[in-house]
Amino acid sequence: MTDTQRYCFALDLNDDAELIAGYKAWHAPGAVPAAVTRSIRDADIRELEIWQVHDRMFMIMEVGPDFSPDAKAAADLADADVQAWERLMWQFQKPLPKAREGEKWVALERIYALSAQ
């Protein structure tokens, strides 16, 4: 039994090679502001990966038992550094076609697991 849970999300980038390169540069090792990385770790997010294909992004989070999506969202809203990061990232990102108003990363639904077969 594991003490972690996985969350997966999708988001699109603006389909522009220069912007995509800029987004990737901002996510290179050491490029993300320390305050943003700290906010992720403080939320009991144990691992966070972003994967890319063309202009589509997938984020995979492994979280511990103290993680709360609602608490993370509230903490992010109250953190000026995280809000500055989110504003910066929006110049590269665009919502998925069926995302709700204001929704950024859209949660994926797991439909298959080899372990369940």
PDB file of N, CA and C in Angstrom:
ATOM      1  N   MET A   1       0.847  -1.188   0.000  1.00  0.00           N
ATOM      2  CA  MET A   1       0.000   0.000   0.000  1.00  0.00           C
ATOM      3  C   MET A   1       0.886   1.242   0.000  1.00  0.00           C
ATOM      4  N   THR A   2       0.524   2.207  -0.798  1.00  0.00           N
ATOM      5  CA  THR A   2       1.319   3.419  -0.920  1.00  0.00           C
ATOM      6  C   THR A   2       0.656   4.577  -0.180  1.00  0.00           C
ATOM      7  N   ASP A   3       1.460   5.524   0.229  1.00  0.00           N
ATOM      8  CA  ASP A   3       0.905   6.698   0.901  1.00  0.00           C
ATOM      9  C   ASP A   3       0.804   7.877  -0.065  1.00  0.00           C
ATOM     10  N   THR A   4       0.864   7.585  -1.372  1.00  0.00           N
ATOM     11  CA  THR A   4       0.731   8.649  -2.366  1.00  0.00           C
ATOM     12  C   THR A   4      -0.472   8.397  -3.262  1.00  0.00           C
ATOM     13  N   GLN A   5      -0.901   9.486  -3.885  1.00  0.00           N
ATOM     14  CA  GLN A   5      -1.997   9.429  -4.843  1.00  0.00           C
ATOM     15  C   GLN A   5      -1.542  10.191  -6.080  1.00  0.00           C
ATOM     16  N   ARG A   6      -2.035   9.804  -7.237  1.00  0.00           N
ATOM     17  CA  ARG A   6      -1.650  10.450  -8.489  1.00  0.00           C
ATOM     18  C   ARG A   6      -2.809  11.281  -9.033  1.00  0.00           C
ATOM     19  N   TYR A   7      -2.475  12.479  -9.487  1.00  0.00           N
ATOM     20  CA  TYR A   7      -3.411  13.348 -10.198  1.00  0.00           C
ATOM     21  C   TYR A   7      -2.794  13.650 -11.555  1.00  0.00           C
ATOM     22  N   CYS A   8      -3.616  13.666 -12.606  1.00  0.00           N
ATOM     23  CA  CYS A   8      -3.141  13.968 -13.954  1.00  0.00           C
ATOM     24  C   CYS A   8      -4.024  15.052 -14.566  1.00  0.00           C
ATOM     25  N   PHE A   9      -3.384  15.970 -15.270  1.00  0.00           N
ATOM     26  CA  PHE A   9      -4.080  17.119 -15.839  1.00  0.00           C
ATOM     27  C   PHE A   9      -3.576  17.375 -17.255  1.00  0.00           C
ATOM     28  N   ALA A  10      -4.379  18.108 -18.043  1.00  0.00           N
ATOM     29  CA  ALA A  10      -3.982  18.510 -19.391  1.00  0.00           C
ATOM     30  C   ALA A  10      -4.218  20.005 -19.558  1.00  0.00           C
ATOM     31  N   LEU A  11      -3.432  20.588 -20.439  1.00  0.00           N
ATOM     32  CA  LEU A  11      -3.514  22.015 -20.759  1.00  0.00           C
ATOM     33  C   LEU A  11      -2.893  22.211 -22.130  1.00  0.00           C
ATOM     34  N   ASP A  12      -3.339  23.200 -22.861  1.00  0.00           N
ATOM     35  CA  ASP A  12      -2.732  23.516 -24.146  1.00  0.00           C
ATOM     36  C   ASP A  12      -1.839  24.742 -24.021  1.00  0.00           C
ATOM     37  N   LEU A  13      -0.863  24.796 -24.913  1.00  0.00           N
ATOM     38  CA  LEU A  13      -0.038  25.982 -25.068  1.00  0.00           C
ATOM     39  C   LEU A  13      -0.489  26.695 -26.337  1.00  0.00           C
ATOM     40  N   ASN A  14      -0.218  27.977 -26.408  1.00  0.00           N
ATOM     41  CA  ASN A  14      -0.448  28.674 -27.658  1.00  0.00           C
ATOM     42  C   ASN A  14       0.441  28.021 -28.705  1.00  0.00           C
ATOM     43  N   ASP A  15      -0.130  27.728 -29.857  1.00  0.00           N
ATOM     44  CA  ASP A  15       0.573  26.977 -30.899  1.00  0.00           C
ATOM     45  C   ASP A  15       1.530  27.895 -31.653  1.00  0.00           C
ATOM     46  N   ASP A  16       2.629  28.208 -30.992  1.00  0.00           N
ATOM     47  CA  ASP A  16       3.635  29.117 -31.520  1.00  0.00           C
ATOM     48  C   ASP A  16       4.992  28.587 -31.055  1.00  0.00           C
ATOM     49  N   ALA A  17       5.853  28.238 -31.988  1.00  0.00           N
ATOM     50  CA  ALA A  17       7.126  27.597 -31.644  1.00  0.00           C
ATOM     51  C   ALA A  17       7.957  28.433 -30.670  1.00  0.00           C
ATOM     52  N   GLU A  18       7.963  29.744 -30.844  1.00  0.00           N
ATOM     53  CA  GLU A  18       8.735  30.617 -29.950  1.00  0.00           C
ATOM     54  C   GLU A  18       8.163  30.596 -28.534  1.00  0.00           C
ATOM     55  N   LEU A  19       6.844  30.666 -28.423  1.00  0.00           N
ATOM     56  CA  LEU A  19       6.217  30.627 -27.102  1.00  0.00           C
ATOM     57  C   LEU A  19       6.428  29.267 -26.428  1.00  0.00           C
ATOM     58  N   ILE A  20       6.314  28.200 -27.192  1.00  0.00           N
ATOM     59  CA  ILE A  20       6.529  26.872 -26.626  1.00  0.00           C
ATOM     60  C   ILE A  20       7.962  26.743 -26.124  1.00  0.00           C
ATOM     61  N   ALA A  21       8.921  27.248 -26.891  1.00  0.00           N
ATOM     62  CA  ALA A  21      10.320  27.220 -26.452  1.00  0.00           C
ATOM     63  C   ALA A  21      10.495  28.044 -25.177  1.00  0.00           C
ATOM     64  N   GLY A  22       9.820  29.185 -25.095  1.00  0.00           N
ATOM     65  CA  GLY A  22       9.884  30.018 -23.890  1.00  0.00           C
ATOM     66  C   GLY A  22       9.299  29.313 -22.684  1.00  0.00           C
ATOM     67  N   TYR A  23       8.188  28.642 -22.879  1.00  0.00           N
ATOM     68  CA  TYR A  23       7.554  27.895 -21.786  1.00  0.00           C
ATOM     69  C   TYR A  23       8.491  26.810 -21.276  1.00  0.00           C
ATOM     70  N   LYS A  24       9.101  26.092 -22.207  1.00  0.00           N
ATOM     71  CA  LYS A  24      10.030  25.035 -21.819  1.00  0.00           C
ATOM     72  C   LYS A  24      11.237  25.616 -21.079  1.00  0.00           C
ATOM     73  N   ALA A  25      11.717  26.758 -21.529  1.00  0.00           N
ATOM     74  CA  ALA A  25      12.862  27.395 -20.867  1.00  0.00           C
ATOM     75  C   ALA A  25      12.515  27.774 -19.426  1.00  0.00           C
ATOM     76  N   TRP A  26      11.302  28.268 -19.209  1.00  0.00           N
ATOM     77  CA  TRP A  26      10.879  28.633 -17.856  1.00  0.00           C
ATOM     78  C   TRP A  26      10.756  27.413 -16.948  1.00  0.00           C
ATOM     79  N   HIS A  27      10.655  26.222 -17.518  1.00  0.00           N
ATOM     80  CA  HIS A  27      10.515  25.002 -16.723  1.00  0.00           C
ATOM     81  C   HIS A  27      11.809  24.182 -16.659  1.00  0.00           C
ATOM     82  N   ALA A  28      12.887  24.719 -17.183  1.00  0.00           N
ATOM     83  CA  ALA A  28      14.175  24.031 -17.102  1.00  0.00           C
ATOM     84  C   ALA A  28      14.636  23.972 -15.644  1.00  0.00           C
ATOM     85  N   PRO A  29      15.497  23.023 -15.308  1.00  0.00           N
ATOM     86  CA  PRO A  29      15.998  22.939 -13.930  1.00  0.00           C
ATOM     87  C   PRO A  29      16.569  24.276 -13.455  1.00  0.00           C
ATOM     88  N   GLY A  30      16.071  24.731 -12.316  1.00  0.00           N
ATOM     89  CA  GLY A  30      16.523  25.976 -11.723  1.00  0.00           C
ATOM     90  C   GLY A  30      15.826  27.233 -12.226  1.00  0.00           C
ATOM     91  N   ALA A  31      14.983  27.108 -13.244  1.00  0.00           N
ATOM     92  CA  ALA A  31      14.338  28.295 -13.821  1.00  0.00           C
ATOM     93  C   ALA A  31      13.045  28.681 -13.101  1.00  0.00           C
ATOM     94  N   VAL A  32      12.348  27.716 -12.544  1.00  0.00           N
ATOM     95  CA  VAL A  32      11.107  28.011 -11.815  1.00  0.00           C
ATOM     96  C   VAL A  32      11.486  28.747 -10.528  1.00  0.00           C
ATOM     97  N   PRO A  33      10.812  29.852 -10.225  1.00  0.00           N
ATOM     98  CA  PRO A  33      11.147  30.585  -9.003  1.00  0.00           C
ATOM     99  C   PRO A  33      11.069  29.691  -7.760  1.00  0.00           C
ATOM    100  N   ALA A  34      12.009  29.906  -6.855  1.00  0.00           N
ATOM    101  CA  ALA A  34      12.089  29.093  -5.632  1.00  0.00           C
ATOM    102  C   ALA A  34      10.787  29.137  -4.842  1.00  0.00           C
ATOM    103  N   ALA A  35      10.123  30.288  -4.814  1.00  0.00           N
ATOM    104  CA  ALA A  35       8.867  30.403  -4.064  1.00  0.00           C
ATOM    105  C   ALA A  35       7.786  29.500  -4.649  1.00  0.00           C
ATOM    106  N   VAL A  36       7.793  29.315  -5.953  1.00  0.00           N
ATOM    107  CA  VAL A  36       6.809  28.440  -6.602  1.00  0.00           C
ATOM    108  C   VAL A  36       7.116  26.983  -6.261  1.00  0.00           C
ATOM    109  N   THR A  37       8.374  26.608  -6.359  1.00  0.00           N
ATOM    110  CA  THR A  37       8.771  25.245  -5.997  1.00  0.00           C
ATOM    111  C   THR A  37       8.461  24.964  -4.530  1.00  0.00           C
ATOM    112  N   ARG A  38       8.734  25.929  -3.666  1.00  0.00           N
ATOM    113  CA  ARG A  38       8.437  25.758  -2.241  1.00  0.00           C
ATOM    114  C   ARG A  38       6.939  25.566  -2.021  1.00  0.00           C
ATOM    115  N   SER A  39       6.101  26.321  -2.723  1.00  0.00           N
ATOM    116  CA  SER A  39       4.646  26.195  -2.546  1.00  0.00           C
ATOM    117  C   SER A  39       4.158  24.819  -2.972  1.00  0.00           C
ATOM    118  N   ILE A  40       4.787  24.256  -3.972  1.00  0.00           N
ATOM    119  CA  ILE A  40       4.429  22.910  -4.428  1.00  0.00           C
ATOM    120  C   ILE A  40       4.792  21.891  -3.350  1.00  0.00           C
ATOM    121  N   ARG A  41       6.006  21.989  -2.869  1.00  0.00           N
ATOM    122  CA  ARG A  41       6.454  21.031  -1.843  1.00  0.00           C
ATOM    123  C   ARG A  41       5.687  21.190  -0.534  1.00  0.00           C
ATOM    124  N   ASP A  42       5.385  22.436  -0.167  1.00  0.00           N
ATOM    125  CA  ASP A  42       4.646  22.685   1.074  1.00  0.00           C
ATOM    126  C   ASP A  42       3.249  22.070   1.052  1.00  0.00           C
ATOM    127  N   ALA A  43       2.704  21.848  -0.143  1.00  0.00           N
ATOM    128  CA  ALA A  43       1.358  21.272  -0.286  1.00  0.00           C
ATOM    129  C   ALA A  43       1.373  19.746  -0.220  1.00  0.00           C
ATOM    130  N   ASP A  44       2.522  19.161   0.061  1.00  0.00           N
ATOM    131  CA  ASP A  44       2.709  17.707   0.099  1.00  0.00           C
ATOM    132  C   ASP A  44       2.592  17.096  -1.295  1.00  0.00           C
ATOM    133  N   ILE A  45       3.041  17.850  -2.289  1.00  0.00           N
ATOM    134  CA  ILE A  45       3.193  17.307  -3.634  1.00  0.00           C
ATOM    135  C   ILE A  45       4.600  16.731  -3.683  1.00  0.00           C
ATOM    136  N   ARG A  46       4.669  15.420  -3.810  1.00  0.00           N
ATOM    137  CA  ARG A  46       5.944  14.714  -3.710  1.00  0.00           C
ATOM    138  C   ARG A  46       6.725  14.739  -5.026  1.00  0.00           C
ATOM    139  N   GLU A  47       6.001  14.677  -6.143  1.00  0.00           N
ATOM    140  CA  GLU A  47       6.616  14.743  -7.469  1.00  0.00           C
ATOM    141  C   GLU A  47       5.632  15.404  -8.402  1.00  0.00           C
ATOM    142  N   LEU A  48       6.150  16.198  -9.316  1.00  0.00           N
ATOM    143  CA  LEU A  48       5.317  16.859 -10.313  1.00  0.00           C
ATOM    144  C   LEU A  48       6.117  16.861 -11.606  1.00  0.00           C
ATOM    145  N   GLU A  49       5.520  16.298 -12.647  1.00  0.00           N
ATOM    146  CA  GLU A  49       6.149  16.267 -13.967  1.00  0.00           C
ATOM    147  C   GLU A  49       5.193  16.884 -14.967  1.00  0.00           C
ATOM    148  N   ILE A  50       5.761  17.582 -15.944  1.00  0.00           N
ATOM    149  CA  ILE A  50       4.978  18.090 -17.066  1.00  0.00           C
ATOM    150  C   ILE A  50       5.558  17.464 -18.325  1.00  0.00           C
ATOM    151  N   TRP A  51       4.677  16.868 -19.102  1.00  0.00           N
ATOM    152  CA  TRP A  51       5.050  16.223 -20.356  1.00  0.00           C
ATOM    153  C   TRP A  51       4.406  17.005 -21.496  1.00  0.00           C
ATOM    154  N   GLN A  52       5.075  17.028 -22.641  1.00  0.00           N
ATOM    155  CA  GLN A  52       4.593  17.819 -23.774  1.00  0.00           C
ATOM    156  C   GLN A  52       4.560  16.996 -25.048  1.00  0.00           C
ATOM    157  N   VAL A  53       3.524  17.212 -25.847  1.00  0.00           N
ATOM    158  CA  VAL A  53       3.482  16.757 -27.234  1.00  0.00           C
ATOM    159  C   VAL A  53       2.845  17.903 -28.024  1.00  0.00           C
ATOM    160  N   HIS A  54       3.589  18.436 -28.960  1.00  0.00           N
ATOM    161  CA  HIS A  54       3.159  19.587 -29.751  1.00  0.00           C
ATOM    162  C   HIS A  54       2.744  20.720 -28.811  1.00  0.00           C
ATOM    163  N   ASP A  55       1.494  21.145 -28.873  1.00  0.00           N
ATOM    164  CA  ASP A  55       1.037  22.235 -27.998  1.00  0.00           C
ATOM    165  C   ASP A  55       0.184  21.723 -26.833  1.00  0.00           C
ATOM    166  N   ARG A  56       0.198  20.431 -26.581  1.00  0.00           N
ATOM    167  CA  ARG A  56      -0.573  19.833 -25.485  1.00  0.00           C
ATOM    168  C   ARG A  56       0.378  19.462 -24.356  1.00  0.00           C
ATOM    169  N   MET A  57      -0.024  19.797 -23.131  1.00  0.00           N
ATOM    170  CA  MET A  57       0.775  19.510 -21.952  1.00  0.00           C
ATOM    171  C   MET A  57       0.009  18.548 -21.048  1.00  0.00           C
ATOM    172  N   PHE A  58       0.745  17.671 -20.381  1.00  0.00           N
ATOM    173  CA  PHE A  58       0.180  16.779 -19.375  1.00  0.00           C
ATOM    174  C   PHE A  58       0.985  16.945 -18.098  1.00  0.00           C
ATOM    175  N   MET A  59       0.295  17.135 -16.992  1.00  0.00           N
ATOM    176  CA  MET A  59       0.947  17.261 -15.699  1.00  0.00           C
ATOM    177  C   MET A  59       0.559  16.055 -14.855  1.00  0.00           C
ATOM    178  N   ILE A  60       1.565  15.425 -14.266  1.00  0.00           N
ATOM    179  CA  ILE A  60       1.358  14.269 -13.401  1.00  0.00           C
ATOM    180  C   ILE A  60       1.900  14.634 -12.024  1.00  0.00           C
ATOM    181  N   MET A  61       1.040  14.548 -11.018  1.00  0.00           N
ATOM    182  CA  MET A  61       1.428  14.871  -9.648  1.00  0.00           C
ATOM    183  C   MET A  61       1.284  13.641  -8.776  1.00  0.00           C
ATOM    184  N   GLU A  62       2.293  13.365  -7.992  1.00  0.00           N
ATOM    185  CA  GLU A  62       2.223  12.352  -6.943  1.00  0.00           C
ATOM    186  C   GLU A  62       2.155  13.121  -5.635  1.00  0.00           C
ATOM    187  N   VAL A  63       1.086  12.912  -4.888  1.00  0.00           N
ATOM    188  CA  VAL A  63       0.866  13.694  -3.672  1.00  0.00           C
ATOM    189  C   VAL A  63       0.808  12.777  -2.457  1.00  0.00           C
ATOM    190  N   GLY A  64       1.181  13.333  -1.311  1.00  0.00           N
ATOM    191  CA  GLY A  64       1.126  12.606  -0.064  1.00  0.00           C
ATOM    192  C   GLY A  64      -0.227  12.756   0.610  1.00  0.00           C
ATOM    193  N   PRO A  65      -0.383  12.148   1.775  1.00  0.00           N
ATOM    194  CA  PRO A  65      -1.672  12.137   2.461  1.00  0.00           C
ATOM    195  C   PRO A  65      -2.111  13.506   2.978  1.00  0.00           C
ATOM    196  N   ASP A  66      -1.202  14.460   3.101  1.00  0.00           N
ATOM    197  CA  ASP A  66      -1.569  15.788   3.582  1.00  0.00           C
ATOM    198  C   ASP A  66      -1.988  16.736   2.462  1.00  0.00           C
ATOM    199  N   PHE A  67      -1.953  16.256   1.215  1.00  0.00           N
ATOM    200  CA  PHE A  67      -2.343  17.115   0.093  1.00  0.00           C
ATOM    201  C   PHE A  67      -3.840  17.333   0.071  1.00  0.00           C
ATOM    202  N   SER A  68      -4.234  18.581  -0.137  1.00  0.00           N
ATOM    203  CA  SER A  68      -5.636  18.953  -0.313  1.00  0.00           C
ATOM    204  C   SER A  68      -5.722  19.901  -1.503  1.00  0.00           C
ATOM    205  N   PRO A  69      -6.446  19.532  -2.557  1.00  0.00           N
ATOM    206  CA  PRO A  69      -6.582  20.441  -3.697  1.00  0.00           C
ATOM    207  C   PRO A  69      -7.162  21.802  -3.301  1.00  0.00           C
ATOM    208  N   ASP A  70      -8.136  21.797  -2.412  1.00  0.00           N
ATOM    209  CA  ASP A  70      -8.748  23.060  -1.982  1.00  0.00           C
ATOM    210  C   ASP A  70      -7.762  23.920  -1.202  1.00  0.00           C
ATOM    211  N   ALA A  71      -6.999  23.302  -0.301  1.00  0.00           N
ATOM    212  CA  ALA A  71      -6.007  24.050   0.474  1.00  0.00           C
ATOM    213  C   ALA A  71      -4.906  24.588  -0.435  1.00  0.00           C
ATOM    214  N   LYS A  72      -4.495  23.806  -1.418  1.00  0.00           N
ATOM    215  CA  LYS A  72      -3.466  24.259  -2.362  1.00  0.00           C
ATOM    216  C   LYS A  72      -3.979  25.443  -3.160  1.00  0.00           C
ATOM    217  N   ALA A  73      -5.204  25.373  -3.636  1.00  0.00           N
ATOM    218  CA  ALA A  73      -5.789  26.477  -4.409  1.00  0.00           C
ATOM    219  C   ALA A  73      -5.869  27.745  -3.563  1.00  0.00           C
ATOM    220  N   ALA A  74      -6.297  27.615  -2.312  1.00  0.00           N
ATOM    221  CA  ALA A  74      -6.397  28.778  -1.427  1.00  0.00           C
ATOM    222  C   ALA A  74      -5.015  29.355  -1.137  1.00  0.00           C
ATOM    223  N   ALA A  75      -4.036  28.503  -0.879  1.00  0.00           N
ATOM    224  CA  ALA A  75      -2.676  28.973  -0.612  1.00  0.00           C
ATOM    225  C   ALA A  75      -2.105  29.688  -1.836  1.00  0.00           C
ATOM    226  N   ASP A  76      -2.363  29.158  -3.028  1.00  0.00           N
ATOM    227  CA  ASP A  76      -1.880  29.794  -4.253  1.00  0.00           C
ATOM    228  C   ASP A  76      -2.492  31.176  -4.448  1.00  0.00           C
ATOM    229  N   LEU A  77      -3.778  31.302  -4.170  1.00  0.00           N
ATOM    230  CA  LEU A  77      -4.442  32.607  -4.303  1.00  0.00           C
ATOM    231  C   LEU A  77      -3.866  33.638  -3.345  1.00  0.00           C
ATOM    232  N   ALA A  78      -3.398  33.200  -2.190  1.00  0.00           N
ATOM    233  CA  ALA A  78      -2.869  34.110  -1.169  1.00  0.00           C
ATOM    234  C   ALA A  78      -1.380  34.391  -1.340  1.00  0.00           C
ATOM    235  N   ASP A  79      -0.722  33.726  -2.271  1.00  0.00           N
ATOM    236  CA  ASP A  79       0.726  33.845  -2.436  1.00  0.00           C
ATOM    237  C   ASP A  79       1.042  34.721  -3.646  1.00  0.00           C
ATOM    238  N   ALA A  80       1.591  35.902  -3.396  1.00  0.00           N
ATOM    239  CA  ALA A  80       1.885  36.857  -4.478  1.00  0.00           C
ATOM    240  C   ALA A  80       2.873  36.278  -5.492  1.00  0.00           C
ATOM    241  N   ASP A  81       3.842  35.496  -5.027  1.00  0.00           N
ATOM    242  CA  ASP A  81       4.822  34.912  -5.944  1.00  0.00           C
ATOM    243  C   ASP A  81       4.175  33.888  -6.876  1.00  0.00           C
ATOM    244  N   VAL A  82       3.300  33.069  -6.327  1.00  0.00           N
ATOM    245  CA  VAL A  82       2.601  32.078  -7.157  1.00  0.00           C
ATOM    246  C   VAL A  82       1.680  32.788  -8.142  1.00  0.00           C
ATOM    247  N   GLN A  83       1.004  33.832  -7.700  1.00  0.00           N
ATOM    248  CA  GLN A  83       0.122  34.579  -8.607  1.00  0.00           C
ATOM    249  C   GLN A  83       0.913  35.244  -9.728  1.00  0.00           C
ATOM    250  N   ALA A  84       2.098  35.758  -9.433  1.00  0.00           N
ATOM    251  CA  ALA A  84       2.944  36.355 -10.474  1.00  0.00           C
ATOM    252  C   ALA A  84       3.369  35.275 -11.481  1.00  0.00           C
ATOM    253  N   TRP A  85       3.702  34.095 -10.977  1.00  0.00           N
ATOM    254  CA  TRP A  85       4.061  32.973 -11.849  1.00  0.00           C
ATOM    255  C   TRP A  85       2.881  32.595 -12.749  1.00  0.00           C
ATOM    256  N   GLU A  86       1.688  32.505 -12.162  1.00  0.00           N
ATOM    257  CA  GLU A  86       0.507  32.142 -12.953  1.00  0.00           C
ATOM    258  C   GLU A  86       0.230  33.166 -14.042  1.00  0.00           C
ATOM    259  N   ARG A  87       0.373  34.447 -13.730  1.00  0.00           N
ATOM    260  CA  ARG A  87       0.182  35.487 -14.764  1.00  0.00           C
ATOM    261  C   ARG A  87       1.219  35.335 -15.879  1.00  0.00           C
ATOM    262  N   LEU A  88       2.451  35.068 -15.505  1.00  0.00           N
ATOM    263  CA  LEU A  88       3.508  34.869 -16.496  1.00  0.00           C
ATOM    264  C   LEU A  88       3.190  33.672 -17.385  1.00  0.00           C
ATOM    265  N   MET A  89       2.763  32.564 -16.778  1.00  0.00           N
ATOM    266  CA  MET A  89       2.496  31.343 -17.539  1.00  0.00           C
ATOM    267  C   MET A  89       1.321  31.494 -18.496  1.00  0.00           C
ATOM    268  N   TRP A  90       0.337  32.337 -18.139  1.00  0.00           N
ATOM    269  CA  TRP A  90      -0.835  32.499 -19.005  1.00  0.00           C
ATOM    270  C   TRP A  90      -0.461  33.076 -20.363  1.00  0.00           C
ATOM    271  N   GLN A  91       0.672  33.742 -20.493  1.00  0.00           N
ATOM    272  CA  GLN A  91       1.034  34.246 -21.818  1.00  0.00           C
ATOM    273  C   GLN A  91       1.428  33.105 -22.767  1.00  0.00           C
ATOM    274  N   PHE A  92       1.758  31.957 -22.213  1.00  0.00           N
ATOM    275  CA  PHE A  92       2.129  30.782 -23.003  1.00  0.00           C
ATOM    276  C   PHE A  92       0.959  29.801 -23.155  1.00  0.00           C
ATOM    277  N   GLN A  93       0.067  29.793 -22.193  1.00  0.00           N
ATOM    278  CA  GLN A  93      -0.971  28.768 -22.090  1.00  0.00           C
ATOM    279  C   GLN A  93      -2.306  29.240 -22.648  1.00  0.00           C
ATOM    280  N   LYS A  94      -3.136  28.260 -22.983  1.00  0.00           N
ATOM    281  CA  LYS A  94      -4.527  28.547 -23.339  1.00  0.00           C
ATOM    282  C   LYS A  94      -5.364  27.386 -22.815  1.00  0.00           C
ATOM    283  N   PRO A  95      -6.596  27.655 -22.448  1.00  0.00           N
ATOM    284  CA  PRO A  95      -7.431  26.576 -21.908  1.00  0.00           C
ATOM    285  C   PRO A  95      -7.773  25.537 -22.979  1.00  0.00           C
ATOM    286  N   LEU A  96      -8.022  24.323 -22.524  1.00  0.00           N
ATOM    287  CA  LEU A  96      -8.508  23.298 -23.439  1.00  0.00           C
ATOM    288  C   LEU A  96      -9.843  23.744 -24.029  1.00  0.00           C
ATOM    289  N   PRO A  97     -10.189  23.260 -25.221  1.00  0.00           N
ATOM    290  CA  PRO A  97     -11.421  23.718 -25.868  1.00  0.00           C
ATOM    291  C   PRO A  97     -12.688  23.590 -25.012  1.00  0.00           C
ATOM    292  N   LYS A  98     -12.793  22.575 -24.178  1.00  0.00           N
ATOM    293  CA  LYS A  98     -14.014  22.390 -23.378  1.00  0.00           C
ATOM    294  C   LYS A  98     -13.808  22.731 -21.907  1.00  0.00           C
ATOM    295  N   ALA A  99     -12.741  23.470 -21.595  1.00  0.00           N
ATOM    296  CA  ALA A  99     -12.494  23.870 -20.206  1.00  0.00           C
ATOM    297  C   ALA A  99     -13.570  24.861 -19.756  1.00  0.00           C
ATOM    298  N   ARG A 100     -13.861  24.809 -18.458  1.00  0.00           N
ATOM    299  CA  ARG A 100     -14.802  25.777 -17.889  1.00  0.00           C
ATOM    300  C   ARG A 100     -14.144  27.149 -17.824  1.00  0.00           C
ATOM    301  N   GLU A 101     -14.946  28.182 -17.706  1.00  0.00           N
ATOM    302  CA  GLU A 101     -14.438  29.548 -17.594  1.00  0.00           C
ATOM    303  C   GLU A 101     -13.426  29.632 -16.447  1.00  0.00           C
ATOM    304  N   GLY A 102     -12.234  30.141 -16.747  1.00  0.00           N
ATOM    305  CA  GLY A 102     -11.197  30.306 -15.737  1.00  0.00           C
ATOM    306  C   GLY A 102     -10.435  29.044 -15.396  1.00  0.00           C
ATOM    307  N   GLU A 103     -10.814  27.902 -15.976  1.00  0.00           N
ATOM    308  CA  GLU A 103     -10.139  26.637 -15.676  1.00  0.00           C
ATOM    309  C   GLU A 103      -8.861  26.541 -16.498  1.00  0.00           C
ATOM    310  N   LYS A 104      -7.782  26.221 -15.816  1.00  0.00           N
ATOM    311  CA  LYS A 104      -6.486  26.119 -16.467  1.00  0.00           C
ATOM    312  C   LYS A 104      -6.172  24.656 -16.722  1.00  0.00           C
ATOM    313  N   TRP A 105      -5.507  24.019 -15.806  1.00  0.00           N
ATOM    314  CA  TRP A 105      -5.207  22.593 -15.929  1.00  0.00           C
ATOM    315  C   TRP A 105      -6.494  21.799 -15.686  1.00  0.00           C
ATOM    316  N   VAL A 106      -6.873  20.950 -16.628  1.00  0.00           N
ATOM    317  CA  VAL A 106      -8.099  20.167 -16.538  1.00  0.00           C
ATOM    318  C   VAL A 106      -7.743  18.743 -16.091  1.00  0.00           C
ATOM    319  N   ALA A 107      -8.437  18.275 -15.058  1.00  0.00           N
ATOM    320  CA  ALA A 107      -8.174  16.940 -14.522  1.00  0.00           C
ATOM    321  C   ALA A 107      -8.537  15.863 -15.544  1.00  0.00           C
ATOM    322  N   LEU A 108      -7.668  14.868 -15.657  1.00  0.00           N
ATOM    323  CA  LEU A 108      -7.913  13.724 -16.520  1.00  0.00           C
ATOM    324  C   LEU A 108      -8.609  12.628 -15.726  1.00  0.00           C
ATOM    325  N   GLU A 109      -9.410  11.852 -16.412  1.00  0.00           N
ATOM    326  CA  GLU A 109     -10.086  10.716 -15.800  1.00  0.00           C
ATOM    327  C   GLU A 109      -9.346   9.439 -16.205  1.00  0.00           C
ATOM    328  N   ARG A 110      -8.939   8.657 -15.233  1.00  0.00           N
ATOM    329  CA  ARG A 110      -8.285   7.390 -15.548  1.00  0.00           C
ATOM    330  C   ARG A 110      -9.344   6.419 -16.046  1.00  0.00           C
ATOM    331  N   ILE A 111      -9.112   5.849 -17.207  1.00  0.00           N
ATOM    332  CA  ILE A 111     -10.065   4.905 -17.779  1.00  0.00           C
ATOM    333  C   ILE A 111      -9.496   3.500 -17.912  1.00  0.00           C
ATOM    334  N   TYR A 112      -8.198   3.331 -17.620  1.00  0.00           N
ATOM    335  CA  TYR A 112      -7.579   2.026 -17.715  1.00  0.00           C
ATOM    336  C   TYR A 112      -6.406   1.952 -16.753  1.00  0.00           C
ATOM    337  N   ALA A 113      -6.270   0.828 -16.110  1.00  0.00           N
ATOM    338  CA  ALA A 113      -5.097   0.535 -15.270  1.00  0.00           C
ATOM    339  C   ALA A 113      -4.741  -0.931 -15.451  1.00  0.00           C
ATOM    340  N   LEU A 114      -3.518  -1.188 -15.841  1.00  0.00           N
ATOM    341  CA  LEU A 114      -3.063  -2.562 -16.015  1.00  0.00           C
ATOM    342  C   LEU A 114      -3.254  -3.341 -14.719  1.00  0.00           C
ATOM    343  N   SER A 115      -3.031  -2.691 -13.588  1.00  0.00           N
ATOM    344  CA  SER A 115      -3.154  -3.371 -12.294  1.00  0.00           C
ATOM    345  C   SER A 115      -4.566  -3.862 -12.012  1.00  0.00           C
ATOM    346  N   ALA A 116      -5.548  -3.310 -12.697  1.00  0.00           N
ATOM    347  CA  ALA A 116      -6.944  -3.721 -12.485  1.00  0.00           C
ATOM    348  C   ALA A 116      -7.354  -4.849 -13.434  1.00  0.00           C
ATOM    349  N   GLN A 117      -6.471  -5.230 -14.309  1.00  0.00           N
ATOM    350  CA  GLN A 117      -6.801  -6.259 -15.314  1.00  0.00           C
ATOM    351  C   GLN A 117      -6.521  -7.643 -14.808  1.00  0.00           C
TER     352      GLN A 117
END
